[in-house]
């Protein structure tokens, strides 16, 4: 679970929230 969270954080930092605002709202 920890690895998944780290990967998600990295992907979020790599991809701006402007590209997928729906993903940010889901969290």
PDB file of N, CA and C in Angstrom:
ATOM      1  N   UNK A   1       0.844  -1.194   0.000  1.00  0.00           N
ATOM      2  CA  UNK A   1       0.000   0.000   0.000  1.00  0.00           C
ATOM      3  C   UNK A   1       0.885   1.252   0.000  1.00  0.00           C
ATOM      4  N   UNK A   2       1.961   1.176   0.768  1.00  0.00           N
ATOM      5  CA  UNK A   2       2.863   2.353   0.833  1.00  0.00           C
ATOM      6  C   UNK A   2       3.450   2.637  -0.559  1.00  0.00           C
ATOM      7  N   UNK A   3       3.870   1.578  -1.226  1.00  0.00           N
ATOM      8  CA  UNK A   3       4.483   1.764  -2.565  1.00  0.00           C
ATOM      9  C   UNK A   3       3.443   2.390  -3.500  1.00  0.00           C
ATOM     10  N   UNK A   4       2.232   1.933  -3.422  1.00  0.00           N
ATOM     11  CA  UNK A   4       1.183   2.481  -4.298  1.00  0.00           C
ATOM     12  C   UNK A   4       0.995   3.971  -4.025  1.00  0.00           C
ATOM     13  N   UNK A   5       0.992   4.337  -2.761  1.00  0.00           N
ATOM     14  CA  UNK A   5       0.796   5.763  -2.421  1.00  0.00           C
ATOM     15  C   UNK A   5       1.959   6.593  -2.978  1.00  0.00           C
ATOM     16  N   UNK A   6       3.165   6.085  -2.837  1.00  0.00           N
ATOM     17  CA  UNK A   6       4.353   6.811  -3.328  1.00  0.00           C
ATOM     18  C   UNK A   6       4.244   6.955  -4.845  1.00  0.00           C
ATOM     19  N   UNK A   7       3.842   5.906  -5.513  1.00  0.00           N
ATOM     20  CA  UNK A   7       3.739   5.960  -6.986  1.00  0.00           C
ATOM     21  C   UNK A   7       2.657   6.977  -7.375  1.00  0.00           C
ATOM     22  N   UNK A   8       1.576   6.969  -6.664  1.00  0.00           N
ATOM     23  CA  UNK A   8       0.482   7.911  -6.987  1.00  0.00           C
ATOM     24  C   UNK A   8       0.971   9.347  -6.783  1.00  0.00           C
ATOM     25  N   UNK A   9       1.716   9.551  -5.713  1.00  0.00           N
ATOM     26  CA  UNK A   9       2.207  10.921  -5.456  1.00  0.00           C
ATOM     27  C   UNK A   9       3.160  11.353  -6.574  1.00  0.00           C
ATOM     28  N   UNK A  10       4.020  10.430  -6.986  1.00  0.00           N
ATOM     29  CA  UNK A  10       4.983  10.778  -8.046  1.00  0.00           C
ATOM     30  C   UNK A  10       4.217  11.104  -9.338  1.00  0.00           C
ATOM     31  N   UNK A  11       3.249  10.291  -9.655  1.00  0.00           N
ATOM     32  CA  UNK A  11       2.476  10.516 -10.892  1.00  0.00           C
ATOM     33  C   UNK A  11       1.768  11.870 -10.797  1.00  0.00           C
ATOM     34  N   UNK A  12       1.257  12.184  -9.627  1.00  0.00           N
ATOM     35  CA  UNK A  12       0.549  13.471  -9.449  1.00  0.00           C
ATOM     36  C   UNK A  12       1.533  14.632  -9.668  1.00  0.00           C
ATOM     37  N   UNK A  13       2.722  14.494  -9.132  1.00  0.00           N
ATOM     38  CA  UNK A  13       3.721  15.568  -9.271  1.00  0.00           C
ATOM     39  C   UNK A  13       4.144  15.667 -10.737  1.00  0.00           C
ATOM     40  N   UNK A  14       4.224  14.514 -11.389  1.00  0.00           N
ATOM     41  CA  UNK A  14       4.644  14.547 -12.809  1.00  0.00           C
ATOM     42  C   UNK A  14       3.514  15.127 -13.670  1.00  0.00           C
ATOM     43  N   UNK A  15       2.282  14.778 -13.361  1.00  0.00           N
ATOM     44  CA  UNK A  15       1.145  15.264 -14.166  1.00  0.00           C
ATOM     45  C   UNK A  15       0.444  16.401 -13.407  1.00  0.00           C
ATOM     46  N   UNK A  16       0.228  17.516 -14.024  1.00  0.00           N
ATOM     47  CA  UNK A  16      -0.436  18.649 -13.357  1.00  0.00           C
ATOM     48  C   UNK A  16      -1.907  18.329 -13.089  1.00  0.00           C
ATOM     49  N   UNK A  17      -2.471  18.893 -12.058  1.00  0.00           N
ATOM     50  CA  UNK A  17      -3.881  18.650 -11.728  1.00  0.00           C
ATOM     51  C   UNK A  17      -4.813  19.262 -12.773  1.00  0.00           C
ATOM     52  N   UNK A  18      -4.247  20.114 -13.610  1.00  0.00           N
ATOM     53  CA  UNK A  18      -5.091  20.749 -14.649  1.00  0.00           C
ATOM     54  C   UNK A  18      -5.483  19.704 -15.699  1.00  0.00           C
ATOM     55  N   UNK A  19      -4.586  18.754 -15.945  1.00  0.00           N
ATOM     56  CA  UNK A  19      -4.887  17.748 -16.979  1.00  0.00           C
ATOM     57  C   UNK A  19      -6.052  16.848 -16.534  1.00  0.00           C
ATOM     58  N   UNK A  20      -6.060  16.459 -15.264  1.00  0.00           N
ATOM     59  CA  UNK A  20      -7.145  15.556 -14.798  1.00  0.00           C
ATOM     60  C   UNK A  20      -7.692  16.062 -13.455  1.00  0.00           C
ATOM     61  N   UNK A  21      -8.536  17.064 -13.491  1.00  0.00           N
ATOM     62  CA  UNK A  21      -9.095  17.618 -12.254  1.00  0.00           C
ATOM     63  C   UNK A  21     -10.062  16.622 -11.615  1.00  0.00           C
ATOM     64  N   UNK A  22     -10.618  15.755 -12.432  1.00  0.00           N
ATOM     65  CA  UNK A  22     -11.585  14.776 -11.887  1.00  0.00           C
ATOM     66  C   UNK A  22     -10.853  13.830 -10.931  1.00  0.00           C
ATOM     67  N   UNK A  23      -9.611  13.520 -11.231  1.00  0.00           N
ATOM     68  CA  UNK A  23      -8.859  12.573 -10.357  1.00  0.00           C
ATOM     69  C   UNK A  23      -8.631  13.268  -8.994  1.00  0.00           C
ATOM     70  N   UNK A  24      -8.351  14.524  -9.018  1.00  0.00           N
ATOM     71  CA  UNK A  24      -8.072  15.238  -7.742  1.00  0.00           C
ATOM     72  C   UNK A  24      -9.374  15.313  -6.923  1.00  0.00           C
ATOM     73  N   UNK A  25     -10.475  15.523  -7.584  1.00  0.00           N
ATOM     74  CA  UNK A  25     -11.757  15.639  -6.863  1.00  0.00           C
ATOM     75  C   UNK A  25     -12.135  14.276  -6.284  1.00  0.00           C
ATOM     76  N   UNK A  26     -11.750  13.223  -6.987  1.00  0.00           N
ATOM     77  CA  UNK A  26     -12.113  11.877  -6.482  1.00  0.00           C
ATOM     78  C   UNK A  26     -11.420  11.630  -5.143  1.00  0.00           C
ATOM     79  N   UNK A  27     -10.163  12.046  -5.005  1.00  0.00           N
ATOM     80  CA  UNK A  27      -9.394  11.767  -3.750  1.00  0.00           C
ATOM     81  C   UNK A  27      -9.966  12.567  -2.613  1.00  0.00           C
TER      82      UNK A  27
END
